[in-house]
Amino acid sequence: MIDEHDHHDHDHPHVHRSPPRPDQDDTLTYYRAMEAAVRELLIDKGIVTAEDVRREVEDMDGRNAGRGAAMVARAWLDPEYKARMLADGSRAAEELGLDVGPLRLIVVENTDDVHNVIVCTLCSCYPRMLLGLPPDWYKSRNYRSRVVREPRNVLAEFGTLIPDEVRIRVHDSTADMRYMVAPKRPEGTEGLSEDELANLVTRDSMIGVALAQAPKK
């Protein structure tokens, strides 16, 4: 399913960004200058402090796919939690102490009949709070345009072969709504703990371009 939406690129600089590190390109671009000006204005007005900015950047740097993986692993073990997660992803994240902010999180489940994949056709909207920074290929025009038109071929290029009888649904994120895929639990993982199961859930499997795999023996 493709949801029509009207939004703009969400990769512009944000207010809560730290100054460039020594190993980064420190060229003063238009957007960097705007970010610095807004940040300094907010600090001068007492709306935020430099410490607030530092803590926010530290929190952003600490985000990775382990957060989303924790939700999936819990759902694999707890059918009641799974039902709540599919009904209201944002609230289910909060149950595990994960803050998704004001965005609406929708979790879509892969089954024997349906395989889901997510995209943002206009920019790079993505559940960063649960998966970390989006990979470069997710933001590329090639992926954003082709996964909508020929998802089965795109998935095959990732090495993910979906049987013809399985329907593929493409979900288009919007400015105020994010999707996350709950991959199918691999066979042969019945005796694994929640932490062990979470280690099987990758970023790409929660985007939908890969499958969760059982540990190699």
N, C-alpha and C. Protein backbone atom coordinates (compact mmCIF):
# COMPACT_ATOMS: atom_id res chain seq x y z
N MET A 1 0.85 -1.17 0.00
CA MET A 1 0.00 0.00 0.00
C MET A 1 0.89 1.22 0.00
N ILE A 2 0.54 2.18 -0.83
CA ILE A 2 1.28 3.44 -0.92
C ILE A 2 0.37 4.54 -0.43
N ASP A 3 0.84 5.28 0.57
CA ASP A 3 0.05 6.38 1.10
C ASP A 3 0.51 7.67 0.47
N GLU A 4 -0.41 8.42 -0.16
CA GLU A 4 -0.04 9.72 -0.71
C GLU A 4 0.25 10.67 0.44
N HIS A 5 1.26 11.50 0.27
CA HIS A 5 1.60 12.43 1.34
C HIS A 5 2.25 13.66 0.77
N ASP A 6 2.25 14.68 1.57
CA ASP A 6 2.81 15.96 1.16
C ASP A 6 3.72 16.43 2.28
N HIS A 7 5.02 16.26 2.09
CA HIS A 7 5.96 16.71 3.11
C HIS A 7 7.27 17.02 2.44
N HIS A 8 8.23 17.48 3.23
CA HIS A 8 9.49 17.90 2.66
C HIS A 8 10.60 17.08 3.27
N ASP A 9 11.78 17.32 2.78
CA ASP A 9 12.92 16.52 3.23
C ASP A 9 13.19 16.77 4.71
N HIS A 10 13.36 15.67 5.45
CA HIS A 10 13.61 15.79 6.88
C HIS A 10 15.06 15.56 7.22
N ASP A 11 15.91 15.71 6.23
CA ASP A 11 17.33 15.59 6.50
C ASP A 11 17.99 16.95 6.59
N HIS A 12 17.16 18.05 6.65
CA HIS A 12 17.84 19.31 6.83
C HIS A 12 18.46 19.33 8.21
N PRO A 13 19.36 20.25 8.44
CA PRO A 13 19.94 20.38 9.76
C PRO A 13 18.85 20.68 10.78
N HIS A 14 18.98 20.11 11.95
CA HIS A 14 18.05 20.38 13.05
C HIS A 14 18.73 21.25 14.08
N VAL A 15 17.93 21.86 14.92
CA VAL A 15 18.48 22.76 15.94
C VAL A 15 19.42 22.02 16.87
N HIS A 16 19.03 20.81 17.28
CA HIS A 16 19.83 20.08 18.27
C HIS A 16 20.95 19.31 17.58
N ARG A 17 21.88 20.04 17.05
CA ARG A 17 23.03 19.40 16.42
C ARG A 17 24.29 19.96 17.04
N SER A 18 25.26 19.10 17.28
CA SER A 18 26.50 19.55 17.87
C SER A 18 27.39 20.17 16.80
N PRO A 19 28.35 21.00 17.20
CA PRO A 19 29.30 21.54 16.22
C PRO A 19 30.07 20.40 15.55
N PRO A 20 30.58 20.61 14.34
CA PRO A 20 31.32 19.55 13.64
C PRO A 20 32.51 19.06 14.46
N ARG A 21 32.74 17.75 14.41
CA ARG A 21 33.91 17.19 15.08
C ARG A 21 35.14 17.49 14.24
N PRO A 22 36.33 17.37 14.83
CA PRO A 22 37.56 17.70 14.08
C PRO A 22 37.73 16.87 12.82
N ASP A 23 37.18 15.62 12.81
CA ASP A 23 37.36 14.77 11.64
C ASP A 23 36.27 14.98 10.59
N GLN A 24 35.38 15.95 10.81
CA GLN A 24 34.32 16.20 9.87
C GLN A 24 34.65 17.39 8.97
N ASP A 25 34.01 17.43 7.81
CA ASP A 25 34.14 18.58 6.92
C ASP A 25 33.45 19.76 7.59
N ASP A 26 34.21 20.83 7.84
CA ASP A 26 33.65 21.97 8.56
C ASP A 26 33.32 23.14 7.63
N THR A 27 33.13 22.85 6.36
CA THR A 27 32.75 23.89 5.41
C THR A 27 31.44 24.52 5.85
N LEU A 28 31.40 25.84 5.92
CA LEU A 28 30.19 26.53 6.39
C LEU A 28 29.20 26.65 5.24
N THR A 29 28.31 25.68 5.16
CA THR A 29 27.28 25.71 4.13
C THR A 29 26.13 26.59 4.60
N TYR A 30 25.20 26.86 3.70
CA TYR A 30 24.02 27.66 4.04
C TYR A 30 23.26 27.04 5.20
N TYR A 31 23.01 25.73 5.12
CA TYR A 31 22.21 25.09 6.16
C TYR A 31 22.95 25.01 7.49
N ARG A 32 24.26 24.83 7.44
CA ARG A 32 25.02 24.82 8.69
C ARG A 32 24.98 26.20 9.34
N ALA A 33 25.08 27.23 8.53
CA ALA A 33 25.01 28.59 9.08
C ALA A 33 23.64 28.85 9.69
N MET A 34 22.58 28.42 9.02
CA MET A 34 21.23 28.59 9.55
C MET A 34 21.05 27.82 10.84
N GLU A 35 21.55 26.58 10.88
CA GLU A 35 21.44 25.77 12.09
C GLU A 35 22.15 26.43 13.26
N ALA A 36 23.36 26.92 13.02
CA ALA A 36 24.12 27.55 14.08
C ALA A 36 23.41 28.81 14.58
N ALA A 37 22.86 29.58 13.66
CA ALA A 37 22.18 30.82 14.04
C ALA A 37 20.94 30.52 14.89
N VAL A 38 20.15 29.54 14.46
CA VAL A 38 18.94 29.20 15.21
C VAL A 38 19.30 28.63 16.58
N ARG A 39 20.30 27.74 16.60
CA ARG A 39 20.71 27.15 17.88
C ARG A 39 21.17 28.22 18.86
N GLU A 40 21.99 29.13 18.37
CA GLU A 40 22.50 30.18 19.26
C GLU A 40 21.38 31.11 19.71
N LEU A 41 20.42 31.37 18.83
CA LEU A 41 19.29 32.22 19.20
C LEU A 41 18.45 31.56 20.30
N LEU A 42 18.20 30.27 20.17
CA LEU A 42 17.41 29.55 21.17
C LEU A 42 18.12 29.54 22.53
N ILE A 43 19.44 29.39 22.49
CA ILE A 43 20.20 29.42 23.73
C ILE A 43 20.18 30.82 24.34
N ASP A 44 20.38 31.85 23.51
CA ASP A 44 20.37 33.23 23.99
C ASP A 44 19.02 33.60 24.61
N LYS A 45 17.93 33.08 24.04
CA LYS A 45 16.59 33.38 24.54
C LYS A 45 16.23 32.54 25.76
N GLY A 46 17.08 31.61 26.12
CA GLY A 46 16.82 30.79 27.29
C GLY A 46 15.82 29.67 27.04
N ILE A 47 15.52 29.40 25.78
CA ILE A 47 14.57 28.33 25.46
C ILE A 47 15.22 26.97 25.67
N VAL A 48 16.48 26.84 25.29
CA VAL A 48 17.27 25.65 25.58
C VAL A 48 18.63 26.10 26.08
N THR A 49 19.37 25.17 26.66
CA THR A 49 20.73 25.46 27.08
C THR A 49 21.69 24.65 26.21
N ALA A 50 22.95 25.04 26.27
CA ALA A 50 23.96 24.28 25.54
C ALA A 50 24.02 22.85 26.04
N GLU A 51 23.77 22.66 27.32
CA GLU A 51 23.75 21.31 27.89
C GLU A 51 22.58 20.51 27.35
N ASP A 52 21.42 21.17 27.15
CA ASP A 52 20.27 20.49 26.53
C ASP A 52 20.64 19.98 25.15
N VAL A 53 21.31 20.82 24.38
CA VAL A 53 21.72 20.45 23.03
C VAL A 53 22.68 19.27 23.08
N ARG A 54 23.67 19.34 23.99
CA ARG A 54 24.65 18.26 24.09
C ARG A 54 23.98 16.94 24.43
N ARG A 55 23.05 16.96 25.40
CA ARG A 55 22.38 15.73 25.81
C ARG A 55 21.54 15.15 24.67
N GLU A 56 20.87 16.05 23.93
CA GLU A 56 20.05 15.58 22.81
C GLU A 56 20.91 14.93 21.73
N VAL A 57 22.04 15.54 21.43
CA VAL A 57 22.94 14.96 20.42
C VAL A 57 23.48 13.62 20.90
N GLU A 58 23.83 13.55 22.19
CA GLU A 58 24.33 12.29 22.74
C GLU A 58 23.26 11.20 22.62
N ASP A 59 22.02 11.57 22.90
CA ASP A 59 20.92 10.60 22.79
C ASP A 59 20.74 10.16 21.34
N MET A 60 20.82 11.10 20.41
CA MET A 60 20.67 10.76 18.99
C MET A 60 21.78 9.84 18.54
N ASP A 61 23.01 10.10 18.99
CA ASP A 61 24.14 9.26 18.61
C ASP A 61 23.99 7.85 19.15
N GLY A 62 23.25 7.70 20.28
CA GLY A 62 23.10 6.40 20.90
C GLY A 62 21.98 5.56 20.31
N ARG A 63 21.20 6.14 19.40
CA ARG A 63 20.10 5.39 18.82
C ARG A 63 20.61 4.41 17.78
N ASN A 64 20.12 3.19 17.86
CA ASN A 64 20.49 2.18 16.88
C ASN A 64 19.35 1.19 16.75
N ALA A 65 19.52 0.23 15.86
CA ALA A 65 18.44 -0.71 15.57
C ALA A 65 18.11 -1.62 16.74
N GLY A 66 18.93 -1.62 17.77
CA GLY A 66 18.64 -2.45 18.94
C GLY A 66 17.34 -2.10 19.62
N ARG A 67 16.91 -0.84 19.48
CA ARG A 67 15.65 -0.43 20.10
C ARG A 67 14.47 -1.09 19.41
N GLY A 68 14.45 -1.01 18.09
CA GLY A 68 13.38 -1.66 17.36
C GLY A 68 13.43 -3.17 17.54
N ALA A 69 14.64 -3.72 17.57
CA ALA A 69 14.81 -5.16 17.73
C ALA A 69 14.23 -5.65 19.05
N ALA A 70 14.35 -4.82 20.09
CA ALA A 70 13.78 -5.20 21.39
C ALA A 70 12.27 -5.33 21.31
N MET A 71 11.63 -4.45 20.55
CA MET A 71 10.18 -4.54 20.38
C MET A 71 9.79 -5.82 19.65
N VAL A 72 10.52 -6.11 18.57
CA VAL A 72 10.20 -7.31 17.78
C VAL A 72 10.39 -8.57 18.61
N ALA A 73 11.50 -8.65 19.34
CA ALA A 73 11.76 -9.84 20.15
C ALA A 73 10.69 -10.03 21.21
N ARG A 74 10.27 -8.94 21.83
CA ARG A 74 9.20 -9.04 22.83
C ARG A 74 7.91 -9.55 22.18
N ALA A 75 7.62 -9.05 20.98
CA ALA A 75 6.41 -9.48 20.27
C ALA A 75 6.48 -10.96 19.89
N TRP A 76 7.67 -11.44 19.54
CA TRP A 76 7.82 -12.85 19.20
C TRP A 76 7.50 -13.75 20.39
N LEU A 77 7.76 -13.27 21.60
CA LEU A 77 7.57 -14.08 22.79
C LEU A 77 6.24 -13.83 23.49
N ASP A 78 5.67 -12.68 23.28
CA ASP A 78 4.47 -12.27 24.02
C ASP A 78 3.35 -11.90 23.05
N PRO A 79 2.42 -12.82 22.80
CA PRO A 79 1.34 -12.54 21.84
C PRO A 79 0.50 -11.32 22.21
N GLU A 80 0.31 -11.08 23.50
CA GLU A 80 -0.48 -9.92 23.92
C GLU A 80 0.25 -8.62 23.61
N TYR A 81 1.55 -8.61 23.85
CA TYR A 81 2.33 -7.42 23.49
C TYR A 81 2.32 -7.23 21.98
N LYS A 82 2.44 -8.31 21.24
CA LYS A 82 2.41 -8.23 19.78
C LYS A 82 1.12 -7.58 19.30
N ALA A 83 0.00 -7.99 19.88
CA ALA A 83 -1.29 -7.42 19.48
C ALA A 83 -1.32 -5.92 19.77
N ARG A 84 -0.79 -5.53 20.92
CA ARG A 84 -0.76 -4.10 21.26
C ARG A 84 0.17 -3.34 20.32
N MET A 85 1.29 -3.96 19.95
CA MET A 85 2.25 -3.31 19.06
C MET A 85 1.66 -3.07 17.68
N LEU A 86 0.94 -4.05 17.17
CA LEU A 86 0.33 -3.90 15.85
C LEU A 86 -0.83 -2.92 15.88
N ALA A 87 -1.47 -2.78 17.04
CA ALA A 87 -2.59 -1.84 17.16
C ALA A 87 -2.12 -0.41 17.36
N ASP A 88 -1.01 -0.23 18.10
CA ASP A 88 -0.51 1.10 18.42
C ASP A 88 0.98 1.00 18.68
N GLY A 89 1.78 1.18 17.63
CA GLY A 89 3.22 1.03 17.76
C GLY A 89 3.84 2.02 18.73
N SER A 90 3.35 3.24 18.72
CA SER A 90 3.92 4.27 19.61
C SER A 90 3.74 3.88 21.07
N ARG A 91 2.56 3.44 21.42
CA ARG A 91 2.31 3.07 22.82
C ARG A 91 3.10 1.82 23.21
N ALA A 92 3.22 0.88 22.26
CA ALA A 92 4.00 -0.33 22.54
C ALA A 92 5.47 0.00 22.77
N ALA A 93 5.99 0.97 22.03
CA ALA A 93 7.37 1.41 22.24
C ALA A 93 7.52 2.01 23.64
N GLU A 94 6.55 2.80 24.04
CA GLU A 94 6.60 3.43 25.36
C GLU A 94 6.58 2.39 26.47
N GLU A 95 5.91 1.26 26.25
CA GLU A 95 5.89 0.20 27.25
C GLU A 95 7.30 -0.29 27.57
N LEU A 96 8.19 -0.22 26.59
CA LEU A 96 9.57 -0.66 26.78
C LEU A 96 10.49 0.51 27.11
N GLY A 97 9.90 1.66 27.42
CA GLY A 97 10.70 2.83 27.78
C GLY A 97 11.33 3.51 26.59
N LEU A 98 10.77 3.30 25.38
CA LEU A 98 11.32 3.90 24.16
C LEU A 98 10.45 5.07 23.74
N ASP A 99 11.03 6.23 23.66
CA ASP A 99 10.30 7.45 23.33
C ASP A 99 10.35 7.68 21.82
N VAL A 100 9.19 7.66 21.19
CA VAL A 100 9.14 7.93 19.75
C VAL A 100 8.66 9.35 19.47
N GLY A 101 8.46 10.14 20.51
CA GLY A 101 8.06 11.53 20.32
C GLY A 101 6.63 11.64 19.82
N PRO A 102 6.31 12.73 19.13
CA PRO A 102 4.93 12.96 18.69
C PRO A 102 4.56 12.18 17.43
N LEU A 103 5.50 11.50 16.82
CA LEU A 103 5.22 10.78 15.59
C LEU A 103 4.35 9.55 15.85
N ARG A 104 3.55 9.21 14.89
CA ARG A 104 2.76 7.98 14.97
C ARG A 104 3.57 6.84 14.37
N LEU A 105 3.79 5.80 15.17
CA LEU A 105 4.53 4.64 14.71
C LEU A 105 3.56 3.52 14.37
N ILE A 106 3.66 3.03 13.15
CA ILE A 106 2.83 1.91 12.70
C ILE A 106 3.76 0.72 12.43
N VAL A 107 3.50 -0.38 13.12
CA VAL A 107 4.28 -1.60 12.92
C VAL A 107 3.47 -2.55 12.05
N VAL A 108 4.08 -3.01 10.97
CA VAL A 108 3.42 -3.94 10.04
C VAL A 108 4.13 -5.28 10.12
N GLU A 109 3.36 -6.34 10.15
CA GLU A 109 3.91 -7.68 10.41
C GLU A 109 4.05 -8.49 9.12
N ASN A 110 5.22 -9.09 8.95
CA ASN A 110 5.41 -10.05 7.87
C ASN A 110 4.79 -11.38 8.27
N THR A 111 4.10 -12.00 7.33
CA THR A 111 3.44 -13.29 7.57
C THR A 111 3.78 -14.23 6.41
N ASP A 112 3.15 -15.41 6.45
CA ASP A 112 3.36 -16.35 5.36
C ASP A 112 2.78 -15.83 4.05
N ASP A 113 1.84 -14.90 4.15
CA ASP A 113 1.14 -14.42 2.96
C ASP A 113 1.56 -13.03 2.50
N VAL A 114 2.15 -12.25 3.42
CA VAL A 114 2.46 -10.85 3.11
C VAL A 114 3.87 -10.51 3.57
N HIS A 115 4.60 -9.82 2.70
CA HIS A 115 5.91 -9.27 3.07
C HIS A 115 5.84 -7.76 2.93
N ASN A 116 6.27 -7.05 3.95
CA ASN A 116 6.20 -5.58 3.97
C ASN A 116 7.58 -4.96 3.79
N VAL A 117 7.59 -3.80 3.17
CA VAL A 117 8.83 -3.03 3.01
C VAL A 117 8.46 -1.56 3.12
N ILE A 118 9.36 -0.76 3.70
CA ILE A 118 9.05 0.65 3.92
C ILE A 118 9.95 1.54 3.07
N VAL A 119 9.45 2.74 2.80
CA VAL A 119 10.15 3.71 1.99
C VAL A 119 9.61 5.09 2.34
N CYS A 120 10.32 6.11 1.92
CA CYS A 120 9.78 7.47 1.91
C CYS A 120 10.05 7.99 0.51
N THR A 121 9.02 8.10 -0.29
CA THR A 121 9.22 8.40 -1.70
C THR A 121 9.66 9.84 -1.96
N LEU A 122 9.37 10.77 -1.04
CA LEU A 122 9.72 12.17 -1.28
C LEU A 122 11.00 12.60 -0.59
N CYS A 123 11.38 11.92 0.49
CA CYS A 123 12.61 12.33 1.17
C CYS A 123 13.23 11.13 1.86
N SER A 124 13.31 11.16 3.19
CA SER A 124 13.95 10.04 3.90
C SER A 124 13.32 9.84 5.27
N CYS A 125 12.01 10.07 5.39
CA CYS A 125 11.33 9.82 6.66
C CYS A 125 11.54 8.37 7.06
N TYR A 126 11.82 8.15 8.35
CA TYR A 126 12.37 6.86 8.77
C TYR A 126 12.28 6.82 10.30
N PRO A 127 12.03 5.66 10.92
CA PRO A 127 11.93 5.60 12.39
C PRO A 127 13.29 5.66 13.07
N ARG A 128 13.94 6.80 12.95
CA ARG A 128 15.29 6.96 13.50
C ARG A 128 15.36 6.68 14.99
N MET A 129 14.27 7.00 15.71
CA MET A 129 14.28 6.82 17.15
C MET A 129 14.39 5.35 17.54
N LEU A 130 14.08 4.45 16.60
CA LEU A 130 14.14 3.01 16.87
C LEU A 130 15.20 2.28 16.06
N LEU A 131 15.57 2.83 14.92
CA LEU A 131 16.52 2.15 14.03
C LEU A 131 17.83 2.89 13.85
N GLY A 132 17.96 4.07 14.41
CA GLY A 132 19.17 4.85 14.19
C GLY A 132 19.11 5.60 12.87
N LEU A 133 20.24 6.07 12.40
CA LEU A 133 20.28 6.84 11.16
C LEU A 133 19.95 5.96 9.96
N PRO A 134 19.23 6.48 8.98
CA PRO A 134 18.91 5.68 7.80
C PRO A 134 20.15 5.43 6.96
N PRO A 135 20.25 4.26 6.33
CA PRO A 135 21.38 4.00 5.44
C PRO A 135 21.30 4.88 4.20
N ASP A 136 22.43 5.09 3.56
CA ASP A 136 22.46 5.95 2.37
C ASP A 136 21.55 5.44 1.28
N TRP A 137 21.48 4.12 1.10
CA TRP A 137 20.66 3.59 0.01
C TRP A 137 19.19 3.89 0.23
N TYR A 138 18.76 3.97 1.50
CA TYR A 138 17.35 4.26 1.79
C TYR A 138 17.00 5.67 1.31
N LYS A 139 17.95 6.58 1.38
CA LYS A 139 17.71 7.97 0.98
C LYS A 139 17.90 8.19 -0.52
N SER A 140 18.44 7.21 -1.21
CA SER A 140 18.76 7.39 -2.62
C SER A 140 17.51 7.46 -3.48
N ARG A 141 17.60 8.23 -4.55
CA ARG A 141 16.48 8.33 -5.49
C ARG A 141 16.19 6.98 -6.13
N ASN A 142 17.22 6.20 -6.36
CA ASN A 142 17.05 4.89 -6.99
C ASN A 142 16.12 4.01 -6.15
N TYR A 143 16.41 3.89 -4.86
CA TYR A 143 15.56 3.06 -4.00
C TYR A 143 14.16 3.65 -3.86
N ARG A 144 14.08 4.95 -3.64
CA ARG A 144 12.79 5.58 -3.39
C ARG A 144 11.83 5.46 -4.56
N SER A 145 12.36 5.46 -5.75
CA SER A 145 11.49 5.36 -6.93
C SER A 145 11.23 3.91 -7.32
N ARG A 146 12.25 3.08 -7.26
CA ARG A 146 12.10 1.73 -7.78
C ARG A 146 11.35 0.78 -6.86
N VAL A 147 11.51 0.95 -5.53
CA VAL A 147 10.86 -0.01 -4.62
C VAL A 147 9.35 0.08 -4.71
N VAL A 148 8.84 1.22 -5.16
CA VAL A 148 7.40 1.38 -5.33
C VAL A 148 6.94 0.67 -6.60
N ARG A 149 7.73 0.78 -7.66
CA ARG A 149 7.33 0.24 -8.96
C ARG A 149 7.65 -1.25 -9.13
N GLU A 150 8.78 -1.65 -8.59
CA GLU A 150 9.22 -3.04 -8.77
C GLU A 150 9.84 -3.58 -7.48
N PRO A 151 9.04 -3.67 -6.42
CA PRO A 151 9.59 -4.07 -5.13
C PRO A 151 10.24 -5.45 -5.13
N ARG A 152 9.66 -6.38 -5.86
CA ARG A 152 10.21 -7.74 -5.86
C ARG A 152 11.63 -7.75 -6.45
N ASN A 153 11.84 -6.98 -7.50
CA ASN A 153 13.16 -6.90 -8.11
C ASN A 153 14.16 -6.21 -7.18
N VAL A 154 13.72 -5.15 -6.53
CA VAL A 154 14.61 -4.44 -5.61
C VAL A 154 15.01 -5.35 -4.45
N LEU A 155 14.06 -6.08 -3.90
CA LEU A 155 14.38 -6.99 -2.81
C LEU A 155 15.35 -8.07 -3.26
N ALA A 156 15.17 -8.55 -4.48
CA ALA A 156 16.08 -9.57 -4.99
C ALA A 156 17.51 -9.05 -5.07
N GLU A 157 17.66 -7.75 -5.37
CA GLU A 157 19.00 -7.16 -5.43
C GLU A 157 19.65 -7.10 -4.05
N PHE A 158 18.83 -7.11 -3.01
CA PHE A 158 19.35 -7.19 -1.64
C PHE A 158 19.60 -8.64 -1.23
N GLY A 159 19.29 -9.58 -2.11
CA GLY A 159 19.44 -10.99 -1.79
C GLY A 159 18.22 -11.58 -1.10
N THR A 160 17.12 -10.84 -1.11
CA THR A 160 15.89 -11.28 -0.45
C THR A 160 14.89 -11.71 -1.51
N LEU A 161 14.72 -13.01 -1.65
CA LEU A 161 13.84 -13.57 -2.66
C LEU A 161 12.50 -13.91 -2.04
N ILE A 162 11.46 -13.25 -2.49
CA ILE A 162 10.12 -13.44 -1.96
C ILE A 162 9.34 -14.32 -2.94
N PRO A 163 8.77 -15.43 -2.48
CA PRO A 163 8.01 -16.31 -3.38
C PRO A 163 6.88 -15.55 -4.08
N ASP A 164 6.56 -15.97 -5.28
CA ASP A 164 5.54 -15.30 -6.08
C ASP A 164 4.18 -15.27 -5.39
N GLU A 165 3.90 -16.31 -4.59
CA GLU A 165 2.59 -16.36 -3.94
C GLU A 165 2.48 -15.45 -2.73
N VAL A 166 3.59 -14.86 -2.32
CA VAL A 166 3.58 -13.92 -1.19
C VAL A 166 3.39 -12.50 -1.73
N ARG A 167 2.41 -11.81 -1.22
CA ARG A 167 2.14 -10.44 -1.67
C ARG A 167 3.12 -9.47 -1.00
N ILE A 168 3.60 -8.51 -1.74
CA ILE A 168 4.50 -7.49 -1.19
C ILE A 168 3.74 -6.19 -1.05
N ARG A 169 3.79 -5.62 0.14
CA ARG A 169 3.16 -4.33 0.41
C ARG A 169 4.24 -3.29 0.69
N VAL A 170 4.16 -2.18 0.01
CA VAL A 170 5.12 -1.09 0.20
C VAL A 170 4.41 0.03 0.97
N HIS A 171 5.01 0.44 2.06
CA HIS A 171 4.42 1.46 2.93
C HIS A 171 5.24 2.73 2.86
N ASP A 172 4.61 3.82 2.52
CA ASP A 172 5.27 5.11 2.32
C ASP A 172 5.12 5.98 3.56
N SER A 173 6.23 6.27 4.21
CA SER A 173 6.21 7.09 5.42
C SER A 173 5.83 8.53 5.09
N THR A 174 5.33 9.24 6.10
CA THR A 174 4.95 10.63 5.92
C THR A 174 5.64 11.49 6.97
N ALA A 175 5.36 12.79 6.92
CA ALA A 175 6.02 13.73 7.83
C ALA A 175 5.71 13.43 9.29
N ASP A 176 4.52 12.90 9.58
CA ASP A 176 4.14 12.67 10.97
C ASP A 176 3.86 11.20 11.26
N MET A 177 4.24 10.31 10.36
CA MET A 177 3.97 8.89 10.55
C MET A 177 5.15 8.07 10.06
N ARG A 178 5.56 7.09 10.85
CA ARG A 178 6.66 6.21 10.49
C ARG A 178 6.20 4.76 10.54
N TYR A 179 6.74 3.96 9.64
CA TYR A 179 6.48 2.53 9.62
C TYR A 179 7.71 1.77 10.10
N MET A 180 7.47 0.62 10.71
CA MET A 180 8.54 -0.33 11.04
C MET A 180 8.01 -1.73 10.76
N VAL A 181 8.82 -2.57 10.14
CA VAL A 181 8.42 -3.93 9.82
C VAL A 181 8.77 -4.86 10.98
N ALA A 182 7.82 -5.70 11.35
CA ALA A 182 8.08 -6.79 12.30
C ALA A 182 8.34 -8.04 11.48
N PRO A 183 9.59 -8.46 11.31
CA PRO A 183 9.88 -9.63 10.49
C PRO A 183 9.35 -10.91 11.12
N LYS A 184 9.21 -11.93 10.29
CA LYS A 184 8.79 -13.24 10.80
C LYS A 184 9.90 -13.82 11.68
N ARG A 185 9.47 -14.51 12.72
CA ARG A 185 10.45 -15.19 13.58
C ARG A 185 11.02 -16.38 12.84
N PRO A 186 12.34 -16.50 12.80
CA PRO A 186 12.95 -17.63 12.08
C PRO A 186 12.61 -18.97 12.74
N GLU A 187 12.52 -19.98 11.94
CA GLU A 187 12.31 -21.33 12.49
C GLU A 187 13.55 -21.78 13.23
N GLY A 188 13.35 -22.63 14.23
CA GLY A 188 14.47 -23.17 14.99
C GLY A 188 14.98 -22.25 16.07
N THR A 189 14.17 -21.26 16.47
CA THR A 189 14.62 -20.32 17.51
C THR A 189 13.78 -20.43 18.78
N GLU A 190 13.09 -21.56 18.92
CA GLU A 190 12.14 -21.69 20.03
C GLU A 190 12.78 -21.60 21.41
N GLY A 191 14.02 -22.03 21.54
CA GLY A 191 14.64 -22.04 22.86
C GLY A 191 15.44 -20.81 23.19
N LEU A 192 15.43 -19.81 22.33
CA LEU A 192 16.25 -18.62 22.55
C LEU A 192 15.59 -17.64 23.51
N SER A 193 16.41 -16.91 24.24
CA SER A 193 15.92 -15.89 25.16
C SER A 193 15.52 -14.64 24.39
N GLU A 194 14.91 -13.70 25.08
CA GLU A 194 14.49 -12.46 24.43
C GLU A 194 15.69 -11.69 23.90
N ASP A 195 16.77 -11.63 24.67
CA ASP A 195 17.97 -10.94 24.20
C ASP A 195 18.57 -11.64 23.00
N GLU A 196 18.59 -12.97 23.02
CA GLU A 196 19.13 -13.72 21.89
C GLU A 196 18.29 -13.50 20.64
N LEU A 197 16.98 -13.46 20.81
CA LEU A 197 16.11 -13.21 19.67
C LEU A 197 16.34 -11.80 19.11
N ALA A 198 16.50 -10.84 20.00
CA ALA A 198 16.72 -9.46 19.55
C ALA A 198 17.98 -9.35 18.69
N ASN A 199 18.98 -10.18 18.98
CA ASN A 199 20.21 -10.14 18.19
C ASN A 199 20.01 -10.64 16.76
N LEU A 200 18.89 -11.31 16.52
CA LEU A 200 18.60 -11.81 15.17
C LEU A 200 17.88 -10.78 14.31
N VAL A 201 17.39 -9.73 14.96
CA VAL A 201 16.58 -8.72 14.26
C VAL A 201 17.50 -7.59 13.81
N THR A 202 17.67 -7.45 12.52
CA THR A 202 18.57 -6.43 11.97
C THR A 202 17.79 -5.21 11.52
N ARG A 203 18.52 -4.14 11.32
CA ARG A 203 17.93 -2.92 10.78
C ARG A 203 17.23 -3.19 9.46
N ASP A 204 17.92 -3.91 8.56
CA ASP A 204 17.36 -4.14 7.24
C ASP A 204 16.10 -5.00 7.29
N SER A 205 16.02 -5.91 8.26
CA SER A 205 14.81 -6.72 8.38
C SER A 205 13.64 -5.89 8.86
N MET A 206 13.92 -4.80 9.59
CA MET A 206 12.84 -3.93 10.06
C MET A 206 12.49 -2.86 9.03
N ILE A 207 13.32 -2.70 8.01
CA ILE A 207 12.96 -1.90 6.84
C ILE A 207 12.19 -2.79 5.87
N GLY A 208 12.54 -4.07 5.86
CA GLY A 208 11.84 -5.02 5.02
C GLY A 208 12.62 -5.51 3.83
N VAL A 209 13.89 -5.09 3.71
CA VAL A 209 14.69 -5.53 2.57
C VAL A 209 15.47 -6.81 2.88
N ALA A 210 15.33 -7.30 4.11
CA ALA A 210 16.00 -8.53 4.51
C ALA A 210 15.07 -9.33 5.41
N LEU A 211 15.44 -10.57 5.67
CA LEU A 211 14.68 -11.45 6.56
C LEU A 211 15.50 -11.69 7.81
N ALA A 212 14.82 -11.88 8.93
CA ALA A 212 15.52 -12.29 10.15
C ALA A 212 15.98 -13.73 9.95
N GLN A 213 17.21 -14.00 10.36
CA GLN A 213 17.79 -15.32 10.14
C GLN A 213 18.09 -16.00 11.47
N ALA A 214 17.91 -17.32 11.53
CA ALA A 214 18.26 -18.09 12.71
C ALA A 214 19.79 -18.09 12.85
N PRO A 215 20.28 -18.21 14.06
CA PRO A 215 21.75 -18.23 14.25
C PRO A 215 22.37 -19.44 13.56
N LYS A 216 23.56 -19.24 13.02
CA LYS A 216 24.25 -20.33 12.35
C LYS A 216 24.76 -21.33 13.39
N LYS A 217 24.64 -22.58 13.09
CA LYS A 217 25.09 -23.64 14.00
C LYS A 217 26.52 -24.06 13.66
